[in-house]
Amino acid sequence: MSPTPKNAVSPLGPKHAPGHPFNNCEGSPADVQEQFERLRERYQRCTTSLPSAAHDLQTPLSIISGYVGVLQGEKLGALNDRQREVLGDMASSCKRLQNFIQDFLTYSVLETGEMQLRFELGDLNESLAEVCSLWSPRFQEKGLAVYFLANEKITPFPFDAPKVQRVISNLLDNACKFTPTGGTVWLHADPYMWDRRSTQPSNFPNDRRQRSLSTPNAVKVSVADTGPGIGPEFHLEVFDDFFRIPQKSNETDGTGLGLAIVERRVDEIGGAVECQSPIENGRGTRFLVRFQASAI
């Protein structure tokens, strides 16, 4: 075997600077523990600094947005067409920055585990219809059609409606970004048989995993679009932090946190999310969200 070149680059990336916690990670258990503590401390500093920076940006951005609104309302004088166009661009840019900041704040809260769940009896159809109606103007502006048809088979059951709505909102936002003008987005929900039973003999009497299921015990919500689709090699990576599909990274705005936030929120409510693409004729993407619903 030939010796390793002097300037060889590790498959994990370039060599780290002296003193980096990744260097010399081999050693006694005490050394490994020390390296772990240093990594955890660095991670915690990054996690806490992110919301702090986001909050620092939020205040001046809110002031700018307020002044833009005042000018657009012509409260300080009439505007010509060019001025309206410029102010419209400024308002759009402020909105994008506000969305970025909100993504960072949501991400930091999920990372620190400070999100609290609140399950209440509710109607999933009503929750989804509300989200769909809120997003309809955005879809219309882009020339997209969005459809939601209530499913009468889904009866009221306990769930955290705000959390579920935020998950679906993030998925609709993603569909809106990547579906070209003239496309279609569908939002749909179905009762789902989430079979978590064990096929192995149990030593415990009345083990719930051994019970046969005669009625659906979960809900499956899907958001599908007619966009270009996502290659199979990215079906797992799309949920990584700050990940953006290479060929699409320059086509749309975003932090690469939307689907990462979706996955964390779904994990919180004890569910699962997956990506299916392409759907038909090599195009389209469907995101499926499954979560428990004991009283359907």
C-alpha atoms as a PDB file:
ATOM      1  CA  MET A   1       0.000   0.000   0.000  1.00  0.00           C
ATOM      2  CA  SER A   2       1.396   3.376  -0.952  1.00  0.00           C
ATOM      3  CA  PRO A   3       1.969   5.897   1.834  1.00  0.00           C
ATOM      4  CA  THR A   4      -0.541   8.640   2.375  1.00  0.00           C
ATOM      5  CA  PRO A   5       0.434  11.854   0.561  1.00  0.00           C
ATOM      6  CA  LYS A   6       1.631  14.609   2.821  1.00  0.00           C
ATOM      7  CA  ASN A   7      -1.081  17.035   1.732  1.00  0.00           C
ATOM      8  CA  ALA A   8      -3.896  14.470   1.533  1.00  0.00           C
ATOM      9  CA  VAL A   9      -7.330  15.719   2.550  1.00  0.00           C
ATOM     10  CA  SER A  10      -9.456  13.628   4.877  1.00  0.00           C
ATOM     11  CA  PRO A  11     -12.724  12.300   3.384  1.00  0.00           C
ATOM     12  CA  LEU A  12     -14.432  14.105   6.227  1.00  0.00           C
ATOM     13  CA  GLY A  13     -13.021  17.431   5.108  1.00  0.00           C
ATOM     14  CA  PRO A  14      -9.796  19.464   5.369  1.00  0.00           C
ATOM     15  CA  LYS A  15      -7.429  18.985   8.278  1.00  0.00           C
ATOM     16  CA  HIS A  16      -8.493  20.774  11.410  1.00  0.00           C
ATOM     17  CA  ALA A  17      -6.424  23.453  13.017  1.00  0.00           C
ATOM     18  CA  PRO A  18      -4.350  22.542  16.086  1.00  0.00           C
ATOM     19  CA  GLY A  19      -6.476  22.321  19.185  1.00  0.00           C
ATOM     20  CA  HIS A  20      -9.675  21.514  17.301  1.00  0.00           C
ATOM     21  CA  PRO A  21     -11.814  19.027  19.311  1.00  0.00           C
ATOM     22  CA  PHE A  22     -11.924  16.616  16.357  1.00  0.00           C
ATOM     23  CA  ASN A  23      -8.140  16.131  16.505  1.00  0.00           C
ATOM     24  CA  ASN A  24      -6.640  13.351  18.611  1.00  0.00           C
ATOM     25  CA  CYS A  25     -10.056  12.072  19.638  1.00  0.00           C
ATOM     26  CA  GLU A  26      -8.557   8.676  20.433  1.00  0.00           C
ATOM     27  CA  GLY A  27      -7.363   8.081  23.961  1.00  0.00           C
ATOM     28  CA  SER A  28      -8.608   7.149  27.387  1.00  0.00           C
ATOM     29  CA  PRO A  29     -12.312   7.337  28.307  1.00  0.00           C
ATOM     30  CA  ALA A  30     -11.532  10.502  30.232  1.00  0.00           C
ATOM     31  CA  ASP A  31     -10.006  12.104  27.119  1.00  0.00           C
ATOM     32  CA  VAL A  32     -12.994  11.118  24.984  1.00  0.00           C
ATOM     33  CA  GLN A  33     -15.360  12.510  27.628  1.00  0.00           C
ATOM     34  CA  GLU A  34     -13.420  15.771  27.677  1.00  0.00           C
ATOM     35  CA  GLN A  35     -13.635  16.051  23.891  1.00  0.00           C
ATOM     36  CA  PHE A  36     -17.354  15.360  24.056  1.00  0.00           C
ATOM     37  CA  GLU A  37     -17.893  18.065  26.672  1.00  0.00           C
ATOM     38  CA  ARG A  38     -15.980  20.567  24.544  1.00  0.00           C
ATOM     39  CA  LEU A  39     -18.089  19.704  21.502  1.00  0.00           C
ATOM     40  CA  ARG A  40     -21.300  19.971  23.501  1.00  0.00           C
ATOM     41  CA  GLU A  41     -20.282  23.343  24.909  1.00  0.00           C
ATOM     42  CA  ARG A  42     -19.496  24.623  21.411  1.00  0.00           C
ATOM     43  CA  TYR A  43     -22.818  23.308  20.129  1.00  0.00           C
ATOM     44  CA  GLN A  44     -24.711  24.977  22.989  1.00  0.00           C
ATOM     45  CA  ARG A  45     -23.002  28.296  22.284  1.00  0.00           C
ATOM     46  CA  CYS A  46     -24.040  28.087  18.631  1.00  0.00           C
ATOM     47  CA  THR A  47     -27.596  27.127  19.598  1.00  0.00           C
ATOM     48  CA  THR A  48     -27.978  30.039  21.999  1.00  0.00           C
ATOM     49  CA  SER A  49     -26.293  32.609  19.765  1.00  0.00           C
ATOM     50  CA  LEU A  50     -28.600  31.860  16.832  1.00  0.00           C
ATOM     51  CA  PRO A  51     -31.829  33.122  18.474  1.00  0.00           C
ATOM     52  CA  SER A  52     -29.941  36.052  19.966  1.00  0.00           C
ATOM     53  CA  ALA A  53     -28.764  37.185  16.547  1.00  0.00           C
ATOM     54  CA  ALA A  54     -32.242  36.615  15.108  1.00  0.00           C
ATOM     55  CA  HIS A  55     -33.824  38.768  17.837  1.00  0.00           C
ATOM     56  CA  ASP A  56     -31.260  41.521  17.205  1.00  0.00           C
ATOM     57  CA  LEU A  57     -32.274  41.561  13.540  1.00  0.00           C
ATOM     58  CA  GLN A  58     -35.980  41.441  14.250  1.00  0.00           C
ATOM     59  CA  THR A  59     -36.309  44.892  15.855  1.00  0.00           C
ATOM     60  CA  PRO A  60     -34.699  47.027  13.119  1.00  0.00           C
ATOM     61  CA  LEU A  61     -36.413  44.957  10.447  1.00  0.00           C
ATOM     62  CA  SER A  62     -39.794  45.607  12.067  1.00  0.00           C
ATOM     63  CA  ILE A  63     -39.049  49.352  12.057  1.00  0.00           C
ATOM     64  CA  ILE A  64     -38.098  49.257   8.371  1.00  0.00           C
ATOM     65  CA  SER A  65     -41.243  47.300   7.525  1.00  0.00           C
ATOM     66  CA  GLY A  66     -43.334  49.823   9.429  1.00  0.00           C
ATOM     67  CA  TYR A  67     -41.888  52.791   7.535  1.00  0.00           C
ATOM     68  CA  VAL A  68     -42.353  50.990   4.219  1.00  0.00           C
ATOM     69  CA  GLY A  69     -45.995  50.435   5.101  1.00  0.00           C
ATOM     70  CA  VAL A  70     -46.451  54.101   5.950  1.00  0.00           C
ATOM     71  CA  LEU A  71     -44.948  55.139   2.621  1.00  0.00           C
ATOM     72  CA  GLN A  72     -47.015  52.608   0.684  1.00  0.00           C
ATOM     73  CA  GLY A  73     -50.138  53.992   2.325  1.00  0.00           C
ATOM     74  CA  GLU A  74     -49.162  57.433   0.930  1.00  0.00           C
ATOM     75  CA  LYS A  75     -49.560  58.948   4.369  1.00  0.00           C
ATOM     76  CA  LEU A  76     -46.489  61.117   3.757  1.00  0.00           C
ATOM     77  CA  GLY A  77     -47.426  62.124   0.252  1.00  0.00           C
ATOM     78  CA  ALA A  78     -48.497  60.760  -3.114  1.00  0.00           C
ATOM     79  CA  LEU A  79     -46.319  58.244  -4.924  1.00  0.00           C
ATOM     80  CA  ASN A  80     -45.573  57.752  -8.573  1.00  0.00           C
ATOM     81  CA  ASP A  81     -45.534  54.310 -10.228  1.00  0.00           C
ATOM     82  CA  ARG A  82     -41.774  53.865  -9.930  1.00  0.00           C
ATOM     83  CA  GLN A  83     -41.838  54.666  -6.208  1.00  0.00           C
ATOM     84  CA  ARG A  84     -44.637  52.165  -5.661  1.00  0.00           C
ATOM     85  CA  GLU A  85     -42.608  49.517  -7.487  1.00  0.00           C
ATOM     86  CA  VAL A  86     -39.512  50.180  -5.361  1.00  0.00           C
ATOM     87  CA  LEU A  87     -41.501  50.112  -2.121  1.00  0.00           C
ATOM     88  CA  GLY A  88     -43.164  46.880  -3.221  1.00  0.00           C
ATOM     89  CA  ASP A  89     -39.735  45.290  -3.723  1.00  0.00           C
ATOM     90  CA  MET A  90     -38.638  46.557  -0.302  1.00  0.00           C
ATOM     91  CA  ALA A  91     -41.744  45.115   1.343  1.00  0.00           C
ATOM     92  CA  SER A  92     -41.149  41.732  -0.331  1.00  0.00           C
ATOM     93  CA  SER A  93     -37.527  41.708   0.816  1.00  0.00           C
ATOM     94  CA  CYS A  94     -38.560  42.553   4.374  1.00  0.00           C
ATOM     95  CA  LYS A  95     -41.071  39.728   4.304  1.00  0.00           C
ATOM     96  CA  ARG A  96     -38.421  37.251   3.166  1.00  0.00           C
ATOM     97  CA  LEU A  97     -36.059  38.369   5.918  1.00  0.00           C
ATOM     98  CA  GLN A  98     -38.842  38.032   8.490  1.00  0.00           C
ATOM     99  CA  ASN A  99     -39.457  34.474   7.286  1.00  0.00           C
ATOM    100  CA  PHE A 100     -35.738  33.683   7.605  1.00  0.00           C
ATOM    101  CA  ILE A 101     -35.657  35.061  11.131  1.00  0.00           C
ATOM    102  CA  GLN A 102     -38.751  33.094  12.092  1.00  0.00           C
ATOM    103  CA  ASP A 103     -37.136  29.913  10.752  1.00  0.00           C
ATOM    104  CA  PHE A 104     -34.046  30.525  12.874  1.00  0.00           C
ATOM    105  CA  LEU A 105     -36.109  31.211  16.003  1.00  0.00           C
ATOM    106  CA  THR A 106     -38.280  28.130  15.485  1.00  0.00           C
ATOM    107  CA  TYR A 107     -35.222  25.979  14.812  1.00  0.00           C
ATOM    108  CA  SER A 108     -33.472  27.148  17.986  1.00  0.00           C
ATOM    109  CA  VAL A 109     -36.553  26.467  20.119  1.00  0.00           C
ATOM    110  CA  LEU A 110     -36.855  22.953  18.700  1.00  0.00           C
ATOM    111  CA  GLU A 111     -33.145  22.315  19.240  1.00  0.00           C
ATOM    112  CA  THR A 112     -33.302  23.335  22.908  1.00  0.00           C
ATOM    113  CA  GLY A 113     -36.407  21.203  23.528  1.00  0.00           C
ATOM    114  CA  GLU A 114     -38.445  24.112  24.900  1.00  0.00           C
ATOM    115  CA  MET A 115     -41.519  23.420  22.756  1.00  0.00           C
ATOM    116  CA  GLN A 116     -44.536  22.303  24.794  1.00  0.00           C
ATOM    117  CA  LEU A 117     -47.284  20.052  23.448  1.00  0.00           C
ATOM    118  CA  ARG A 118     -50.971  20.642  24.111  1.00  0.00           C
ATOM    119  CA  PHE A 119     -53.392  17.985  22.930  1.00  0.00           C
ATOM    120  CA  GLU A 120     -57.038  19.011  22.719  1.00  0.00           C
ATOM    121  CA  LEU A 121     -60.080  17.491  21.046  1.00  0.00           C
ATOM    122  CA  GLY A 122     -60.340  19.068  17.627  1.00  0.00           C
ATOM    123  CA  ASP A 123     -61.403  18.674  14.012  1.00  0.00           C
ATOM    124  CA  LEU A 124     -58.446  17.999  11.721  1.00  0.00           C
ATOM    125  CA  ASN A 125     -60.487  18.897   8.640  1.00  0.00           C
ATOM    126  CA  GLU A 126     -61.190  22.362  10.043  1.00  0.00           C
ATOM    127  CA  SER A 127     -57.518  22.871  10.938  1.00  0.00           C
ATOM    128  CA  LEU A 128     -56.337  21.907   7.458  1.00  0.00           C
ATOM    129  CA  ALA A 129     -59.033  24.010   5.779  1.00  0.00           C
ATOM    130  CA  GLU A 130     -57.919  27.022   7.826  1.00  0.00           C
ATOM    131  CA  VAL A 131     -54.285  26.598   6.773  1.00  0.00           C
ATOM    132  CA  CYS A 132     -55.322  26.146   3.137  1.00  0.00           C
ATOM    133  CA  SER A 133     -57.421  29.329   3.159  1.00  0.00           C
ATOM    134  CA  LEU A 134     -54.547  31.313   4.676  1.00  0.00           C
ATOM    135  CA  TRP A 135     -52.219  30.169   1.918  1.00  0.00           C
ATOM    136  CA  SER A 136     -54.671  30.594  -0.970  1.00  0.00           C
ATOM    137  CA  PRO A 137     -53.731  34.253  -1.701  1.00  0.00           C
ATOM    138  CA  ARG A 138     -50.043  33.334  -1.867  1.00  0.00           C
ATOM    139  CA  PHE A 139     -50.785  30.518  -4.339  1.00  0.00           C
ATOM    140  CA  GLN A 140     -53.007  32.780  -6.428  1.00  0.00           C
ATOM    141  CA  GLU A 141     -50.252  35.398  -6.657  1.00  0.00           C
ATOM    142  CA  LYS A 142     -47.954  32.793  -8.167  1.00  0.00           C
ATOM    143  CA  GLY A 143     -50.617  31.376 -10.479  1.00  0.00           C
ATOM    144  CA  LEU A 144     -50.952  28.064  -8.648  1.00  0.00           C
ATOM    145  CA  ALA A 145     -54.068  26.080  -7.811  1.00  0.00           C
ATOM    146  CA  VAL A 146     -54.386  24.551  -4.330  1.00  0.00           C
ATOM    147  CA  TYR A 147     -57.098  22.044  -3.434  1.00  0.00           C
ATOM    148  CA  PHE A 148     -58.299  20.612  -0.147  1.00  0.00           C
ATOM    149  CA  LEU A 149     -61.295  18.298   0.229  1.00  0.00           C
ATOM    150  CA  ALA A 150     -62.449  17.433   3.745  1.00  0.00           C
ATOM    151  CA  ASN A 151     -62.554  13.740   4.601  1.00  0.00           C
ATOM    152  CA  GLU A 152     -65.713  12.828   6.532  1.00  0.00           C
ATOM    153  CA  LYS A 153     -64.086   9.601   7.739  1.00  0.00           C
ATOM    154  CA  ILE A 154     -61.874  11.633  10.058  1.00  0.00           C
ATOM    155  CA  THR A 155     -63.809  12.399  13.222  1.00  0.00           C
ATOM    156  CA  PRO A 156     -62.643  14.732  16.019  1.00  0.00           C
ATOM    157  CA  PHE A 157     -59.750  13.403  18.100  1.00  0.00           C
ATOM    158  CA  PRO A 158     -57.154  14.897  20.502  1.00  0.00           C
ATOM    159  CA  PHE A 159     -54.185  16.527  18.763  1.00  0.00           C
ATOM    160  CA  ASP A 160     -52.035  19.649  19.003  1.00  0.00           C
ATOM    161  CA  ALA A 161     -53.737  21.723  16.299  1.00  0.00           C
ATOM    162  CA  PRO A 162     -51.237  24.654  16.213  1.00  0.00           C
ATOM    163  CA  LYS A 163     -48.280  22.271  15.820  1.00  0.00           C
ATOM    164  CA  VAL A 164     -49.976  20.296  13.049  1.00  0.00           C
ATOM    165  CA  GLN A 165     -50.958  23.520  11.264  1.00  0.00           C
ATOM    166  CA  ARG A 166     -47.365  24.762  11.357  1.00  0.00           C
ATOM    167  CA  VAL A 167     -46.141  21.490   9.887  1.00  0.00           C
ATOM    168  CA  ILE A 168     -48.636  21.685   7.028  1.00  0.00           C
ATOM    169  CA  SER A 169     -47.908  25.390   6.551  1.00  0.00           C
ATOM    170  CA  ASN A 170     -44.199  24.624   6.108  1.00  0.00           C
ATOM    171  CA  LEU A 171     -45.014  21.916   3.566  1.00  0.00           C
ATOM    172  CA  LEU A 172     -47.348  24.231   1.636  1.00  0.00           C
ATOM    173  CA  ASP A 173     -44.638  26.890   1.662  1.00  0.00           C
ATOM    174  CA  ASN A 174     -42.197  24.359   0.231  1.00  0.00           C
ATOM    175  CA  ALA A 175     -44.684  23.308  -2.461  1.00  0.00           C
ATOM    176  CA  CYS A 176     -45.360  26.932  -3.391  1.00  0.00           C
ATOM    177  CA  LYS A 177     -41.646  27.667  -3.783  1.00  0.00           C
ATOM    178  CA  PHE A 178     -40.834  24.765  -6.070  1.00  0.00           C
ATOM    179  CA  THR A 179     -44.010  24.408  -8.136  1.00  0.00           C
ATOM    180  CA  PRO A 180     -43.858  26.450 -11.358  1.00  0.00           C
ATOM    181  CA  THR A 181     -46.635  28.820 -12.394  1.00  0.00           C
ATOM    182  CA  GLY A 182     -49.689  26.956 -13.652  1.00  0.00           C
ATOM    183  CA  GLY A 183     -49.044  24.019 -11.343  1.00  0.00           C
ATOM    184  CA  THR A 184     -51.285  22.398  -8.753  1.00  0.00           C
ATOM    185  CA  VAL A 185     -50.924  21.504  -5.069  1.00  0.00           C
ATOM    186  CA  TRP A 186     -53.185  19.059  -3.228  1.00  0.00           C
ATOM    187  CA  LEU A 187     -53.741  18.828   0.511  1.00  0.00           C
ATOM    188  CA  HIS A 188     -55.460  15.679   1.707  1.00  0.00           C
ATOM    189  CA  ALA A 189     -55.951  13.614   4.870  1.00  0.00           C
ATOM    190  CA  ASP A 190     -57.003  10.008   5.424  1.00  0.00           C
ATOM    191  CA  PRO A 191     -57.468   7.657   8.360  1.00  0.00           C
ATOM    192  CA  TYR A 192     -54.458   5.382   8.510  1.00  0.00           C
ATOM    193  CA  MET A 193     -53.724   1.960   9.968  1.00  0.00           C
ATOM    194  CA  TRP A 194     -50.377   2.466  11.661  1.00  0.00           C
ATOM    195  CA  ASP A 195     -49.526  -1.127  12.509  1.00  0.00           C
ATOM    196  CA  ARG A 196     -46.954  -1.087  15.284  1.00  0.00           C
ATOM    197  CA  ARG A 197     -47.741  -4.552  16.513  1.00  0.00           C
ATOM    198  CA  SER A 198     -44.981  -7.012  17.348  1.00  0.00           C
ATOM    199  CA  THR A 199     -44.865 -10.333  15.532  1.00  0.00           C
ATOM    200  CA  GLN A 200     -42.769 -11.872  18.303  1.00  0.00           C
ATOM    201  CA  PRO A 201     -44.358 -13.730  21.247  1.00  0.00           C
ATOM    202  CA  SER A 202     -44.773 -11.522  24.297  1.00  0.00           C
ATOM    203  CA  ASN A 203     -44.121 -12.442  27.924  1.00  0.00           C
ATOM    204  CA  PHE A 204     -46.540  -9.766  29.118  1.00  0.00           C
ATOM    205  CA  PRO A 205     -50.293 -10.353  29.405  1.00  0.00           C
ATOM    206  CA  ASN A 206     -52.532  -7.973  27.444  1.00  0.00           C
ATOM    207  CA  ASP A 207     -49.572  -6.569  25.535  1.00  0.00           C
ATOM    208  CA  ARG A 208     -51.093  -3.858  23.303  1.00  0.00           C
ATOM    209  CA  ARG A 209     -48.651  -4.745  20.536  1.00  0.00           C
ATOM    210  CA  GLN A 210     -50.293  -8.166  20.272  1.00  0.00           C
ATOM    211  CA  ARG A 211     -53.815  -6.802  19.820  1.00  0.00           C
ATOM    212  CA  SER A 212     -55.412  -6.938  16.425  1.00  0.00           C
ATOM    213  CA  LEU A 213     -56.393  -3.587  14.949  1.00  0.00           C
ATOM    214  CA  SER A 214     -59.875  -3.347  13.480  1.00  0.00           C
ATOM    215  CA  THR A 215     -60.074   0.441  13.071  1.00  0.00           C
ATOM    216  CA  PRO A 216     -57.519   3.070  11.960  1.00  0.00           C
ATOM    217  CA  ASN A 217     -55.336   4.320  14.792  1.00  0.00           C
ATOM    218  CA  ALA A 218     -53.599   7.158  12.967  1.00  0.00           C
ATOM    219  CA  VAL A 219     -53.987   9.925  10.391  1.00  0.00           C
ATOM    220  CA  LYS A 220     -52.038  10.416   7.183  1.00  0.00           C
ATOM    221  CA  VAL A 221     -51.813  13.948   5.777  1.00  0.00           C
ATOM    222  CA  SER A 222     -50.288  14.486   2.351  1.00  0.00           C
ATOM    223  CA  VAL A 223     -49.112  17.581   0.492  1.00  0.00           C
ATOM    224  CA  ALA A 224     -48.487  16.841  -3.194  1.00  0.00           C
ATOM    225  CA  ASP A 225     -47.411  19.125  -6.019  1.00  0.00           C
ATOM    226  CA  THR A 226     -46.682  19.108  -9.747  1.00  0.00           C
ATOM    227  CA  GLY A 227     -43.198  20.542  -9.364  1.00  0.00           C
ATOM    228  CA  PRO A 228     -39.988  19.149 -10.884  1.00  0.00           C
ATOM    229  CA  GLY A 229     -39.666  16.485  -8.204  1.00  0.00           C
ATOM    230  CA  ILE A 230     -36.844  15.448  -5.885  1.00  0.00           C
ATOM    231  CA  GLY A 231     -34.274  12.835  -6.853  1.00  0.00           C
ATOM    232  CA  PRO A 232     -34.303   9.623  -4.771  1.00  0.00           C
ATOM    233  CA  GLU A 233     -30.774  10.373  -3.563  1.00  0.00           C
ATOM    234  CA  PHE A 234     -32.115  13.435  -1.704  1.00  0.00           C
ATOM    235  CA  HIS A 235     -35.232  11.914  -0.089  1.00  0.00           C
ATOM    236  CA  LEU A 236     -33.511  11.694   3.304  1.00  0.00           C
ATOM    237  CA  GLU A 237     -31.173  14.652   2.996  1.00  0.00           C
ATOM    238  CA  VAL A 238     -33.995  17.134   2.402  1.00  0.00           C
ATOM    239  CA  PHE A 239     -34.736  16.906   6.135  1.00  0.00           C
ATOM    240  CA  ASP A 240     -31.168  17.818   7.136  1.00  0.00           C
ATOM    241  CA  ASP A 241     -30.406  21.200   8.684  1.00  0.00           C
ATOM    242  CA  PHE A 242     -29.662  23.937   6.121  1.00  0.00           C
ATOM    243  CA  PHE A 243     -29.789  21.467   3.230  1.00  0.00           C
ATOM    244  CA  ARG A 244     -30.800  22.728  -0.199  1.00  0.00           C
ATOM    245  CA  ILE A 245     -30.932  20.602  -3.337  1.00  0.00           C
ATOM    246  CA  PRO A 246     -27.868  21.687  -5.379  1.00  0.00           C
ATOM    247  CA  GLN A 247     -29.564  22.337  -8.720  1.00  0.00           C
ATOM    248  CA  LYS A 248     -32.366  24.278  -7.037  1.00  0.00           C
ATOM    249  CA  SER A 249     -30.351  26.280  -4.507  1.00  0.00           C
ATOM    250  CA  ASN A 250     -30.151  29.333  -6.759  1.00  0.00           C
ATOM    251  CA  GLU A 251     -33.744  29.186  -7.961  1.00  0.00           C
ATOM    252  CA  THR A 252     -35.584  29.978  -4.730  1.00  0.00           C
ATOM    253  CA  ASP A 253     -35.108  31.843  -1.468  1.00  0.00           C
ATOM    254  CA  GLY A 254     -34.820  29.946   1.762  1.00  0.00           C
ATOM    255  CA  THR A 255     -32.629  28.971   4.679  1.00  0.00           C
ATOM    256  CA  GLY A 256     -32.780  25.228   4.126  1.00  0.00           C
ATOM    257  CA  LEU A 257     -34.507  24.839   7.490  1.00  0.00           C
ATOM    258  CA  GLY A 258     -38.153  24.431   6.443  1.00  0.00           C
ATOM    259  CA  LEU A 259     -38.178  20.636   6.102  1.00  0.00           C
ATOM    260  CA  ALA A 260     -35.781  20.197   9.037  1.00  0.00           C
ATOM    261  CA  ILE A 261     -38.308  22.062  11.183  1.00  0.00           C
ATOM    262  CA  VAL A 262     -41.098  19.881   9.768  1.00  0.00           C
ATOM    263  CA  GLU A 263     -39.275  16.715  10.776  1.00  0.00           C
ATOM    264  CA  ARG A 264     -38.605  17.957  14.308  1.00  0.00           C
ATOM    265  CA  ARG A 265     -42.207  19.074  14.823  1.00  0.00           C
ATOM    266  CA  VAL A 266     -43.513  15.749  13.545  1.00  0.00           C
ATOM    267  CA  ASP A 267     -41.123  13.909  15.867  1.00  0.00           C
ATOM    268  CA  GLU A 268     -42.479  15.980  18.751  1.00  0.00           C
ATOM    269  CA  ILE A 269     -46.041  14.805  18.185  1.00  0.00           C
ATOM    270  CA  GLY A 270     -44.917  11.189  17.865  1.00  0.00           C
ATOM    271  CA  GLY A 271     -45.324  11.009  14.115  1.00  0.00           C
ATOM    272  CA  ALA A 272     -43.262  10.362  11.007  1.00  0.00           C
ATOM    273  CA  VAL A 273     -42.695  12.228   7.748  1.00  0.00           C
ATOM    274  CA  GLU A 274     -41.400  10.966   4.426  1.00  0.00           C
ATOM    275  CA  CYS A 275     -40.746  12.234   0.924  1.00  0.00           C
ATOM    276  CA  GLN A 276     -42.105  10.495  -2.172  1.00  0.00           C
ATOM    277  CA  SER A 277     -40.932  11.645  -5.599  1.00  0.00           C
ATOM    278  CA  PRO A 278     -41.442  11.550  -8.493  1.00  0.00           C
ATOM    279  CA  ILE A 279     -45.192  10.976  -8.410  1.00  0.00           C
ATOM    280  CA  GLU A 280     -46.101  10.811 -12.104  1.00  0.00           C
ATOM    281  CA  ASN A 281     -44.206  11.119 -15.395  1.00  0.00           C
ATOM    282  CA  GLY A 282     -40.973  11.872 -13.606  1.00  0.00           C
ATOM    283  CA  ARG A 283     -42.373  14.954 -11.845  1.00  0.00           C
ATOM    284  CA  GLY A 284     -44.108  15.947  -8.631  1.00  0.00           C
ATOM    285  CA  THR A 285     -43.365  15.499  -4.946  1.00  0.00           C
ATOM    286  CA  ARG A 286     -45.525  14.218  -2.110  1.00  0.00           C
ATOM    287  CA  PHE A 287     -44.757  14.674   1.583  1.00  0.00           C
ATOM    288  CA  LEU A 288     -46.616  12.289   3.904  1.00  0.00           C
ATOM    289  CA  VAL A 289     -47.100  13.075   7.582  1.00  0.00           C
ATOM    290  CA  ARG A 290     -48.396  10.302   9.843  1.00  0.00           C
ATOM    291  CA  PHE A 291     -49.323  10.702  13.500  1.00  0.00           C
ATOM    292  CA  GLN A 292     -51.280   8.780  16.086  1.00  0.00           C
ATOM    293  CA  ALA A 293     -54.996   9.402  16.473  1.00  0.00           C
ATOM    294  CA  SER A 294     -56.533   7.038  18.989  1.00  0.00           C
ATOM    295  CA  ALA A 295     -60.106   8.220  18.552  1.00  0.00           C
ATOM    296  CA  ILE A 296     -60.928   8.218  14.868  1.00  0.00           C
END
